[in-house]
């Protein structure tokens, strides 16, 4: 039998759990569908979340699941593979189960695609990093490398120079001619060295990075490597529903209002499903806004229906 809920939250990360917590406390019958693929799983800790600074992502999610359970929110480890829009929304899950709801929160996040350089994927979340706000303090004053994946990597090299004065920008597959005069001026002012040539592999020893080897055999001693993964938003369900998207420098993301409401009535997006730059604390805030807005909308819709009857 198809079970019906007032709200289904797709995605059990910070955004999804936060929305579910608000809805559960508002006594809304809520289901969280969680595929169990958090973006920050490779990281041992998360930073910059007031009162949770340094907490492991796994412990954070476990605490969130325990909290929503106290308010009767159901959580199922499954994946939403199809959605239909009618008087209600009908979701088909990978297990074959179908569920319905009056409102949806899509908090499916994104997937990071890493540069195809030996050692990068293996060290990601340890000493191969992408966000200085997330990890810069923990690796401060070490020898940094920045692996360029596009001319935009200049910005990353300039940013990480705030945490170390020993930074090398490895151009990798980016041509030196692609760097603007402003890029070169700022890199020089920040003391960032620029090394052309393709990176062949990361060098490691005793479970840590020791350097970078270029394709020509040149080696550069480094302790930390920053990369900019290609972000792939998990927005397939929103596309099925016909949501409007806008192109950004980091890819296509849904058009939303300040509460996360998409162009599809009754469907909200939260966390990295609505934008690349949503950190854990931002995602949790976005989920809260979506949950509170949905509860208020459902309340007014029911009162209007009752008064009309």
C-alpha atoms as a PDB file:
ATOM      1  CA  UNK A   1       0.000   0.000   0.000  1.00  0.00           C
ATOM      2  CA  UNK A   2       1.117   3.552  -0.717  1.00  0.00           C
ATOM      3  CA  UNK A   3       1.637   5.496   2.495  1.00  0.00           C
ATOM      4  CA  UNK A   4       0.730   9.172   2.599  1.00  0.00           C
ATOM      5  CA  UNK A   5       2.584  11.872   4.501  1.00  0.00           C
ATOM      6  CA  UNK A   6       2.154  15.577   4.795  1.00  0.00           C
ATOM      7  CA  UNK A   7       5.780  16.216   3.826  1.00  0.00           C
ATOM      8  CA  UNK A   8       8.511  14.038   2.354  1.00  0.00           C
ATOM      9  CA  UNK A   9      12.100  15.195   2.709  1.00  0.00           C
ATOM     10  CA  UNK A  10      14.451  13.685   0.135  1.00  0.00           C
ATOM     11  CA  UNK A  11      17.951  13.662   1.541  1.00  0.00           C
ATOM     12  CA  UNK A  12      19.106  13.096   5.116  1.00  0.00           C
ATOM     13  CA  UNK A  13      21.993  15.546   5.414  1.00  0.00           C
ATOM     14  CA  UNK A  14      22.076  18.766   7.403  1.00  0.00           C
ATOM     15  CA  UNK A  15      19.428  20.474   5.248  1.00  0.00           C
ATOM     16  CA  UNK A  16      17.035  17.554   5.150  1.00  0.00           C
ATOM     17  CA  UNK A  17      17.310  16.700   8.842  1.00  0.00           C
ATOM     18  CA  UNK A  18      16.874  20.340   9.827  1.00  0.00           C
ATOM     19  CA  UNK A  19      13.693  20.639   7.761  1.00  0.00           C
ATOM     20  CA  UNK A  20      12.428  17.364   9.221  1.00  0.00           C
ATOM     21  CA  UNK A  21      13.150  18.536  12.770  1.00  0.00           C
ATOM     22  CA  UNK A  22      11.071  21.684  12.317  1.00  0.00           C
ATOM     23  CA  UNK A  23       8.238  19.751  10.694  1.00  0.00           C
ATOM     24  CA  UNK A  24       8.277  17.022  13.331  1.00  0.00           C
ATOM     25  CA  UNK A  25       8.102  19.599  16.111  1.00  0.00           C
ATOM     26  CA  UNK A  26       5.168  21.165  14.238  1.00  0.00           C
ATOM     27  CA  UNK A  27       3.398  17.774  14.429  1.00  0.00           C
ATOM     28  CA  UNK A  28       3.525  17.204  10.687  1.00  0.00           C
ATOM     29  CA  UNK A  29       3.615  13.597   9.518  1.00  0.00           C
ATOM     30  CA  UNK A  30       7.010  13.599   7.836  1.00  0.00           C
ATOM     31  CA  UNK A  31       9.180  11.040   6.067  1.00  0.00           C
ATOM     32  CA  UNK A  32      12.907  11.419   5.340  1.00  0.00           C
ATOM     33  CA  UNK A  33      14.261   9.354   2.446  1.00  0.00           C
ATOM     34  CA  UNK A  34      18.012   9.085   2.859  1.00  0.00           C
ATOM     35  CA  UNK A  35      20.336   7.387   0.356  1.00  0.00           C
ATOM     36  CA  UNK A  36      23.218   7.641   2.831  1.00  0.00           C
ATOM     37  CA  UNK A  37      25.675   9.478   0.575  1.00  0.00           C
ATOM     38  CA  UNK A  38      26.654  12.700   2.407  1.00  0.00           C
ATOM     39  CA  UNK A  39      29.022  14.949   0.489  1.00  0.00           C
ATOM     40  CA  UNK A  40      31.290  15.477   3.496  1.00  0.00           C
ATOM     41  CA  UNK A  41      31.682  11.771   4.329  1.00  0.00           C
ATOM     42  CA  UNK A  42      35.441  11.770   3.488  1.00  0.00           C
ATOM     43  CA  UNK A  43      36.096  14.485   6.089  1.00  0.00           C
ATOM     44  CA  UNK A  44      37.032  13.532   9.644  1.00  0.00           C
ATOM     45  CA  UNK A  45      35.562  16.728  11.064  1.00  0.00           C
ATOM     46  CA  UNK A  46      33.586  19.827  10.137  1.00  0.00           C
ATOM     47  CA  UNK A  47      34.402  23.388  11.094  1.00  0.00           C
ATOM     48  CA  UNK A  48      32.702  26.766  11.328  1.00  0.00           C
ATOM     49  CA  UNK A  49      29.411  25.515  12.786  1.00  0.00           C
ATOM     50  CA  UNK A  50      28.934  27.361  16.076  1.00  0.00           C
ATOM     51  CA  UNK A  51      28.848  24.861  19.000  1.00  0.00           C
ATOM     52  CA  UNK A  52      29.655  21.978  16.626  1.00  0.00           C
ATOM     53  CA  UNK A  53      33.122  23.094  15.497  1.00  0.00           C
ATOM     54  CA  UNK A  54      35.355  20.038  15.079  1.00  0.00           C
ATOM     55  CA  UNK A  55      32.516  17.507  15.270  1.00  0.00           C
ATOM     56  CA  UNK A  56      32.701  14.538  12.939  1.00  0.00           C
ATOM     57  CA  UNK A  57      30.103  14.608  10.130  1.00  0.00           C
ATOM     58  CA  UNK A  58      29.030  11.067  11.023  1.00  0.00           C
ATOM     59  CA  UNK A  59      28.379  12.029  14.662  1.00  0.00           C
ATOM     60  CA  UNK A  60      26.523  15.157  13.537  1.00  0.00           C
ATOM     61  CA  UNK A  61      24.159  13.150  11.332  1.00  0.00           C
ATOM     62  CA  UNK A  62      23.653  10.506  14.020  1.00  0.00           C
ATOM     63  CA  UNK A  63      22.635  13.217  16.474  1.00  0.00           C
ATOM     64  CA  UNK A  64      20.254  14.691  13.918  1.00  0.00           C
ATOM     65  CA  UNK A  65      18.599  11.345  13.235  1.00  0.00           C
ATOM     66  CA  UNK A  66      18.082  10.794  16.954  1.00  0.00           C
ATOM     67  CA  UNK A  67      16.524  14.233  17.312  1.00  0.00           C
ATOM     68  CA  UNK A  68      13.974  13.840  14.515  1.00  0.00           C
ATOM     69  CA  UNK A  69      12.996  10.407  15.822  1.00  0.00           C
ATOM     70  CA  UNK A  70      11.953  12.008  19.132  1.00  0.00           C
ATOM     71  CA  UNK A  71       9.249  13.915  17.243  1.00  0.00           C
ATOM     72  CA  UNK A  72       7.879  10.958  15.310  1.00  0.00           C
ATOM     73  CA  UNK A  73       9.602  11.673  12.004  1.00  0.00           C
ATOM     74  CA  UNK A  74      10.203   8.502  10.015  1.00  0.00           C
ATOM     75  CA  UNK A  75      13.507   7.899   8.246  1.00  0.00           C
ATOM     76  CA  UNK A  76      14.053   5.228   5.625  1.00  0.00           C
ATOM     77  CA  UNK A  77      17.378   4.311   4.048  1.00  0.00           C
ATOM     78  CA  UNK A  78      16.347   4.309   0.405  1.00  0.00           C
ATOM     79  CA  UNK A  79      16.637   6.339  -2.783  1.00  0.00           C
ATOM     80  CA  UNK A  80      13.914   8.267  -4.593  1.00  0.00           C
ATOM     81  CA  UNK A  81      14.122   7.246  -8.249  1.00  0.00           C
ATOM     82  CA  UNK A  82      10.946   8.727  -9.720  1.00  0.00           C
ATOM     83  CA  UNK A  83       8.396  11.404  -8.902  1.00  0.00           C
ATOM     84  CA  UNK A  84       4.963  12.248 -10.263  1.00  0.00           C
ATOM     85  CA  UNK A  85       3.012  15.419  -9.673  1.00  0.00           C
ATOM     86  CA  UNK A  86      -0.746  15.339  -9.256  1.00  0.00           C
ATOM     87  CA  UNK A  87      -3.070  16.385  -6.463  1.00  0.00           C
ATOM     88  CA  UNK A  88      -0.195  15.093  -4.333  1.00  0.00           C
ATOM     89  CA  UNK A  89       3.377  14.097  -5.111  1.00  0.00           C
ATOM     90  CA  UNK A  90       4.025  10.383  -5.597  1.00  0.00           C
ATOM     91  CA  UNK A  91       7.556   9.087  -5.103  1.00  0.00           C
ATOM     92  CA  UNK A  92       8.849   5.727  -6.218  1.00  0.00           C
ATOM     93  CA  UNK A  93      11.778   4.466  -4.168  1.00  0.00           C
ATOM     94  CA  UNK A  94      14.558   2.130  -5.297  1.00  0.00           C
ATOM     95  CA  UNK A  95      13.121  -0.573  -3.043  1.00  0.00           C
ATOM     96  CA  UNK A  96       9.880  -0.469  -5.054  1.00  0.00           C
ATOM     97  CA  UNK A  97       7.916   1.272  -2.330  1.00  0.00           C
ATOM     98  CA  UNK A  98       5.700   4.213  -3.276  1.00  0.00           C
ATOM     99  CA  UNK A  99       4.905   7.110  -0.953  1.00  0.00           C
ATOM    100  CA  UNK A 100       2.845  10.271  -1.308  1.00  0.00           C
ATOM    101  CA  UNK A 101       2.974  13.729   0.214  1.00  0.00           C
ATOM    102  CA  UNK A 102       1.393  17.153  -0.060  1.00  0.00           C
ATOM    103  CA  UNK A 103       4.779  18.899  -0.051  1.00  0.00           C
ATOM    104  CA  UNK A 104       8.364  17.956  -0.921  1.00  0.00           C
ATOM    105  CA  UNK A 105      11.753  19.128   0.283  1.00  0.00           C
ATOM    106  CA  UNK A 106      14.563  18.167  -2.099  1.00  0.00           C
ATOM    107  CA  UNK A 107      17.834  18.124  -0.159  1.00  0.00           C
ATOM    108  CA  UNK A 108      19.759  15.651  -2.292  1.00  0.00           C
ATOM    109  CA  UNK A 109      23.009  17.624  -2.316  1.00  0.00           C
ATOM    110  CA  UNK A 110      25.733  17.205  -4.885  1.00  0.00           C
ATOM    111  CA  UNK A 111      28.603  14.913  -5.808  1.00  0.00           C
ATOM    112  CA  UNK A 112      32.233  16.022  -6.089  1.00  0.00           C
ATOM    113  CA  UNK A 113      34.085  14.772  -9.180  1.00  0.00           C
ATOM    114  CA  UNK A 114      37.819  14.951  -8.518  1.00  0.00           C
ATOM    115  CA  UNK A 115      40.647  15.536 -11.009  1.00  0.00           C
ATOM    116  CA  UNK A 116      41.981  12.290 -12.447  1.00  0.00           C
ATOM    117  CA  UNK A 117      45.404  12.482 -10.815  1.00  0.00           C
ATOM    118  CA  UNK A 118      46.717   9.412  -8.951  1.00  0.00           C
ATOM    119  CA  UNK A 119      46.535   9.987  -5.230  1.00  0.00           C
ATOM    120  CA  UNK A 120      43.950  12.764  -5.253  1.00  0.00           C
ATOM    121  CA  UNK A 121      40.871  10.616  -4.624  1.00  0.00           C
ATOM    122  CA  UNK A 122      42.704   8.466  -2.087  1.00  0.00           C
ATOM    123  CA  UNK A 123      43.756  11.485   0.001  1.00  0.00           C
ATOM    124  CA  UNK A 124      40.581  13.564  -0.395  1.00  0.00           C
ATOM    125  CA  UNK A 125      39.307  14.755   2.958  1.00  0.00           C
ATOM    126  CA  UNK A 126      42.677  14.059   4.619  1.00  0.00           C
ATOM    127  CA  UNK A 127      45.408  16.241   3.129  1.00  0.00           C
ATOM    128  CA  UNK A 128      43.759  16.783  -0.262  1.00  0.00           C
ATOM    129  CA  UNK A 129      41.224  19.506   0.521  1.00  0.00           C
ATOM    130  CA  UNK A 130      38.933  21.928  -1.278  1.00  0.00           C
ATOM    131  CA  UNK A 131      37.713  24.516   1.239  1.00  0.00           C
ATOM    132  CA  UNK A 132      40.044  26.693   3.325  1.00  0.00           C
ATOM    133  CA  UNK A 133      37.182  27.751   5.580  1.00  0.00           C
ATOM    134  CA  UNK A 134      36.531  24.072   6.342  1.00  0.00           C
ATOM    135  CA  UNK A 135      40.142  22.944   6.830  1.00  0.00           C
ATOM    136  CA  UNK A 136      42.534  25.898   6.539  1.00  0.00           C
ATOM    137  CA  UNK A 137      43.107  26.324  10.276  1.00  0.00           C
ATOM    138  CA  UNK A 138      43.968  22.654  10.760  1.00  0.00           C
ATOM    139  CA  UNK A 139      46.704  22.739   8.080  1.00  0.00           C
ATOM    140  CA  UNK A 140      47.898  26.316   8.628  1.00  0.00           C
ATOM    141  CA  UNK A 141      51.510  27.206   7.866  1.00  0.00           C
ATOM    142  CA  UNK A 142      52.226  23.969   6.006  1.00  0.00           C
ATOM    143  CA  UNK A 143      53.519  23.732   2.441  1.00  0.00           C
ATOM    144  CA  UNK A 144      50.445  24.078   0.233  1.00  0.00           C
ATOM    145  CA  UNK A 145      49.902  23.093  -3.357  1.00  0.00           C
ATOM    146  CA  UNK A 146      46.880  24.115  -5.432  1.00  0.00           C
ATOM    147  CA  UNK A 147      45.965  21.921  -8.399  1.00  0.00           C
ATOM    148  CA  UNK A 148      44.502  24.111 -11.119  1.00  0.00           C
ATOM    149  CA  UNK A 149      41.448  22.676 -12.848  1.00  0.00           C
ATOM    150  CA  UNK A 150      40.530  25.953 -14.582  1.00  0.00           C
ATOM    151  CA  UNK A 151      41.686  29.574 -14.557  1.00  0.00           C
ATOM    152  CA  UNK A 152      39.281  29.988 -11.605  1.00  0.00           C
ATOM    153  CA  UNK A 153      41.801  28.037  -9.511  1.00  0.00           C
ATOM    154  CA  UNK A 154      43.766  31.279  -9.211  1.00  0.00           C
ATOM    155  CA  UNK A 155      41.070  32.453  -6.804  1.00  0.00           C
ATOM    156  CA  UNK A 156      41.542  29.312  -4.702  1.00  0.00           C
ATOM    157  CA  UNK A 157      45.311  29.836  -4.583  1.00  0.00           C
ATOM    158  CA  UNK A 158      44.835  33.439  -3.467  1.00  0.00           C
ATOM    159  CA  UNK A 159      42.368  32.394  -0.783  1.00  0.00           C
ATOM    160  CA  UNK A 160      44.534  29.661   0.749  1.00  0.00           C
ATOM    161  CA  UNK A 161      47.493  32.051   0.918  1.00  0.00           C
ATOM    162  CA  UNK A 162      45.786  33.506   3.991  1.00  0.00           C
ATOM    163  CA  UNK A 163      46.549  30.253   5.846  1.00  0.00           C
ATOM    164  CA  UNK A 164      50.095  29.666   4.569  1.00  0.00           C
ATOM    165  CA  UNK A 165      52.835  31.779   3.027  1.00  0.00           C
ATOM    166  CA  UNK A 166      54.256  28.735   1.197  1.00  0.00           C
ATOM    167  CA  UNK A 167      51.847  28.165  -1.697  1.00  0.00           C
ATOM    168  CA  UNK A 168      52.498  26.761  -5.170  1.00  0.00           C
ATOM    169  CA  UNK A 169      49.866  26.924  -7.895  1.00  0.00           C
ATOM    170  CA  UNK A 170      50.364  23.930 -10.195  1.00  0.00           C
ATOM    171  CA  UNK A 171      48.835  24.924 -13.520  1.00  0.00           C
ATOM    172  CA  UNK A 172      48.400  21.259 -14.504  1.00  0.00           C
ATOM    173  CA  UNK A 173      46.271  21.395 -17.675  1.00  0.00           C
ATOM    174  CA  UNK A 174      45.731  25.174 -17.569  1.00  0.00           C
ATOM    175  CA  UNK A 175      47.874  27.196 -19.942  1.00  0.00           C
ATOM    176  CA  UNK A 176      49.910  30.040 -18.468  1.00  0.00           C
ATOM    177  CA  UNK A 177      48.467  32.269 -21.199  1.00  0.00           C
ATOM    178  CA  UNK A 178      44.997  31.749 -19.669  1.00  0.00           C
ATOM    179  CA  UNK A 179      46.011  33.752 -16.601  1.00  0.00           C
ATOM    180  CA  UNK A 180      45.159  37.438 -16.789  1.00  0.00           C
ATOM    181  CA  UNK A 181      47.461  40.292 -15.857  1.00  0.00           C
ATOM    182  CA  UNK A 182      45.351  40.813 -12.737  1.00  0.00           C
ATOM    183  CA  UNK A 183      45.782  37.115 -11.851  1.00  0.00           C
ATOM    184  CA  UNK A 184      49.561  37.358 -12.143  1.00  0.00           C
ATOM    185  CA  UNK A 185      49.690  40.619 -10.203  1.00  0.00           C
ATOM    186  CA  UNK A 186      47.651  39.231  -7.315  1.00  0.00           C
ATOM    187  CA  UNK A 187      49.535  35.931  -7.221  1.00  0.00           C
ATOM    188  CA  UNK A 188      52.814  37.813  -6.999  1.00  0.00           C
ATOM    189  CA  UNK A 189      51.465  40.069  -4.250  1.00  0.00           C
ATOM    190  CA  UNK A 190      50.323  37.024  -2.278  1.00  0.00           C
ATOM    191  CA  UNK A 191      53.688  35.312  -2.720  1.00  0.00           C
ATOM    192  CA  UNK A 192      52.165  32.372  -4.603  1.00  0.00           C
ATOM    193  CA  UNK A 193      54.584  30.577  -6.925  1.00  0.00           C
ATOM    194  CA  UNK A 194      53.234  29.445 -10.308  1.00  0.00           C
ATOM    195  CA  UNK A 195      54.500  26.152 -11.742  1.00  0.00           C
ATOM    196  CA  UNK A 196      53.464  25.174 -15.289  1.00  0.00           C
ATOM    197  CA  UNK A 197      53.277  21.578 -16.440  1.00  0.00           C
ATOM    198  CA  UNK A 198      50.944  18.630 -15.915  1.00  0.00           C
ATOM    199  CA  UNK A 199      50.825  16.965 -12.496  1.00  0.00           C
ATOM    200  CA  UNK A 200      51.401  13.222 -12.868  1.00  0.00           C
ATOM    201  CA  UNK A 201      50.827  12.050  -9.290  1.00  0.00           C
ATOM    202  CA  UNK A 202      50.887  12.825  -5.610  1.00  0.00           C
ATOM    203  CA  UNK A 203      53.790  11.442  -3.612  1.00  0.00           C
ATOM    204  CA  UNK A 204      52.947   9.919  -0.247  1.00  0.00           C
ATOM    205  CA  UNK A 205      54.803   8.325   2.635  1.00  0.00           C
ATOM    206  CA  UNK A 206      53.570   7.051   6.012  1.00  0.00           C
ATOM    207  CA  UNK A 207      49.964   7.918   5.143  1.00  0.00           C
ATOM    208  CA  UNK A 208      50.668  11.562   4.290  1.00  0.00           C
ATOM    209  CA  UNK A 209      51.449  13.684   1.258  1.00  0.00           C
ATOM    210  CA  UNK A 210      55.128  14.434   0.791  1.00  0.00           C
ATOM    211  CA  UNK A 211      55.108  16.030  -2.637  1.00  0.00           C
ATOM    212  CA  UNK A 212      53.866  16.435  -6.187  1.00  0.00           C
ATOM    213  CA  UNK A 213      55.512  14.893  -9.254  1.00  0.00           C
ATOM    214  CA  UNK A 214      55.062  16.548 -12.630  1.00  0.00           C
ATOM    215  CA  UNK A 215      54.907  14.675 -15.920  1.00  0.00           C
ATOM    216  CA  UNK A 216      58.461  15.783 -16.737  1.00  0.00           C
ATOM    217  CA  UNK A 217      59.698  14.125 -13.543  1.00  0.00           C
ATOM    218  CA  UNK A 218      60.152  17.317 -11.534  1.00  0.00           C
ATOM    219  CA  UNK A 219      59.231  16.937  -7.861  1.00  0.00           C
ATOM    220  CA  UNK A 220      58.008  19.592  -5.463  1.00  0.00           C
ATOM    221  CA  UNK A 221      57.802  18.908  -1.741  1.00  0.00           C
ATOM    222  CA  UNK A 222      54.293  19.665  -0.461  1.00  0.00           C
ATOM    223  CA  UNK A 223      52.269  18.679   2.592  1.00  0.00           C
ATOM    224  CA  UNK A 224      48.749  19.692   1.550  1.00  0.00           C
ATOM    225  CA  UNK A 225      47.030  19.917  -1.829  1.00  0.00           C
ATOM    226  CA  UNK A 226      43.930  22.010  -2.487  1.00  0.00           C
ATOM    227  CA  UNK A 227      41.723  21.095  -5.441  1.00  0.00           C
ATOM    228  CA  UNK A 228      38.449  22.371  -6.865  1.00  0.00           C
ATOM    229  CA  UNK A 229      36.257  19.352  -7.592  1.00  0.00           C
ATOM    230  CA  UNK A 230      33.673  19.529 -10.332  1.00  0.00           C
ATOM    231  CA  UNK A 231      30.338  19.826  -8.562  1.00  0.00           C
ATOM    232  CA  UNK A 232      27.543  17.653  -9.953  1.00  0.00           C
ATOM    233  CA  UNK A 233      24.187  18.639  -8.386  1.00  0.00           C
ATOM    234  CA  UNK A 234      21.828  15.757  -7.659  1.00  0.00           C
ATOM    235  CA  UNK A 235      18.800  17.531  -9.068  1.00  0.00           C
ATOM    236  CA  UNK A 236      17.274  14.836 -11.266  1.00  0.00           C
ATOM    237  CA  UNK A 237      13.980  14.827  -9.358  1.00  0.00           C
ATOM    238  CA  UNK A 238      13.629  18.582  -9.719  1.00  0.00           C
ATOM    239  CA  UNK A 239      14.194  18.257 -13.455  1.00  0.00           C
ATOM    240  CA  UNK A 240      11.523  15.543 -13.636  1.00  0.00           C
ATOM    241  CA  UNK A 241       9.114  17.933 -11.950  1.00  0.00           C
ATOM    242  CA  UNK A 242       9.887  20.651 -14.486  1.00  0.00           C
ATOM    243  CA  UNK A 243      11.586  23.080 -12.102  1.00  0.00           C
ATOM    244  CA  UNK A 244      13.196  26.155 -13.605  1.00  0.00           C
ATOM    245  CA  UNK A 245      17.007  26.209 -13.491  1.00  0.00           C
ATOM    246  CA  UNK A 246      19.617  28.929 -13.805  1.00  0.00           C
ATOM    247  CA  UNK A 247      23.221  28.581 -14.937  1.00  0.00           C
ATOM    248  CA  UNK A 248      25.933  29.522 -12.437  1.00  0.00           C
ATOM    249  CA  UNK A 249      29.747  29.309 -12.624  1.00  0.00           C
ATOM    250  CA  UNK A 250      29.433  26.033 -10.677  1.00  0.00           C
ATOM    251  CA  UNK A 251      26.661  24.499 -12.788  1.00  0.00           C
ATOM    252  CA  UNK A 252      22.886  24.618 -13.165  1.00  0.00           C
ATOM    253  CA  UNK A 253      20.847  25.048  -9.980  1.00  0.00           C
ATOM    254  CA  UNK A 254      17.121  25.550  -9.417  1.00  0.00           C
ATOM    255  CA  UNK A 255      15.632  29.008  -9.218  1.00  0.00           C
ATOM    256  CA  UNK A 256      14.344  29.455  -5.660  1.00  0.00           C
ATOM    257  CA  UNK A 257      12.837  32.179  -3.511  1.00  0.00           C
ATOM    258  CA  UNK A 258      14.377  33.169  -0.127  1.00  0.00           C
ATOM    259  CA  UNK A 259      12.659  30.207   1.579  1.00  0.00           C
ATOM    260  CA  UNK A 260      13.902  27.662  -0.965  1.00  0.00           C
ATOM    261  CA  UNK A 261      10.602  27.371  -2.857  1.00  0.00           C
ATOM    262  CA  UNK A 262      11.252  26.303  -6.447  1.00  0.00           C
ATOM    263  CA  UNK A 263       9.194  27.248  -9.489  1.00  0.00           C
ATOM    264  CA  UNK A 264       7.141  24.086  -8.877  1.00  0.00           C
ATOM    265  CA  UNK A 265       4.378  24.821  -6.330  1.00  0.00           C
ATOM    266  CA  UNK A 266       4.799  22.653  -3.251  1.00  0.00           C
ATOM    267  CA  UNK A 267       8.466  21.811  -3.855  1.00  0.00           C
ATOM    268  CA  UNK A 268      11.355  23.301  -1.898  1.00  0.00           C
ATOM    269  CA  UNK A 269      15.094  22.839  -2.401  1.00  0.00           C
ATOM    270  CA  UNK A 270      17.615  23.122   0.424  1.00  0.00           C
ATOM    271  CA  UNK A 271      21.338  22.680   0.959  1.00  0.00           C
ATOM    272  CA  UNK A 272      23.615  21.913  -1.975  1.00  0.00           C
ATOM    273  CA  UNK A 273      20.592  20.967  -4.088  1.00  0.00           C
ATOM    274  CA  UNK A 274      19.949  24.711  -4.365  1.00  0.00           C
ATOM    275  CA  UNK A 275      23.517  26.006  -4.566  1.00  0.00           C
ATOM    276  CA  UNK A 276      27.176  25.053  -4.586  1.00  0.00           C
ATOM    277  CA  UNK A 277      28.286  27.246  -1.684  1.00  0.00           C
ATOM    278  CA  UNK A 278      25.955  25.930   1.018  1.00  0.00           C
ATOM    279  CA  UNK A 279      28.174  24.842   3.922  1.00  0.00           C
ATOM    280  CA  UNK A 280      26.755  22.622   6.686  1.00  0.00           C
ATOM    281  CA  UNK A 281      25.620  25.563   8.783  1.00  0.00           C
ATOM    282  CA  UNK A 282      23.995  27.253   5.767  1.00  0.00           C
ATOM    283  CA  UNK A 283      22.309  24.005   4.746  1.00  0.00           C
ATOM    284  CA  UNK A 284      20.846  23.537   8.208  1.00  0.00           C
ATOM    285  CA  UNK A 285      19.524  27.102   8.169  1.00  0.00           C
ATOM    286  CA  UNK A 286      18.013  26.583   4.717  1.00  0.00           C
ATOM    287  CA  UNK A 287      16.303  23.408   5.847  1.00  0.00           C
ATOM    288  CA  UNK A 288      14.880  25.226   8.865  1.00  0.00           C
ATOM    289  CA  UNK A 289      13.465  28.008   6.656  1.00  0.00           C
ATOM    290  CA  UNK A 290      11.911  25.501   4.275  1.00  0.00           C
ATOM    291  CA  UNK A 291      10.353  23.463   7.074  1.00  0.00           C
ATOM    292  CA  UNK A 292       8.869  26.492   8.832  1.00  0.00           C
ATOM    293  CA  UNK A 293       7.515  27.906   5.569  1.00  0.00           C
ATOM    294  CA  UNK A 294       5.929  24.592   4.590  1.00  0.00           C
ATOM    295  CA  UNK A 295       4.237  24.230   7.963  1.00  0.00           C
ATOM    296  CA  UNK A 296       2.767  27.713   7.726  1.00  0.00           C
ATOM    297  CA  UNK A 297       1.585  27.146   4.170  1.00  0.00           C
ATOM    298  CA  UNK A 298      -0.088  23.843   5.045  1.00  0.00           C
ATOM    299  CA  UNK A 299      -1.787  25.422   8.042  1.00  0.00           C
ATOM    300  CA  UNK A 300      -3.263  28.279   6.006  1.00  0.00           C
ATOM    301  CA  UNK A 301      -4.326  25.930   3.203  1.00  0.00           C
ATOM    302  CA  UNK A 302      -6.186  23.716   5.675  1.00  0.00           C
ATOM    303  CA  UNK A 303      -7.831  26.675   7.414  1.00  0.00           C
ATOM    304  CA  UNK A 304      -8.946  28.103   4.067  1.00  0.00           C
ATOM    305  CA  UNK A 305     -10.383  24.730   3.057  1.00  0.00           C
ATOM    306  CA  UNK A 306     -12.209  24.406   6.385  1.00  0.00           C
ATOM    307  CA  UNK A 307     -13.669  27.893   6.173  1.00  0.00           C
ATOM    308  CA  UNK A 308     -14.863  27.306   2.611  1.00  0.00           C
ATOM    309  CA  UNK A 309     -16.569  24.073   3.642  1.00  0.00           C
END
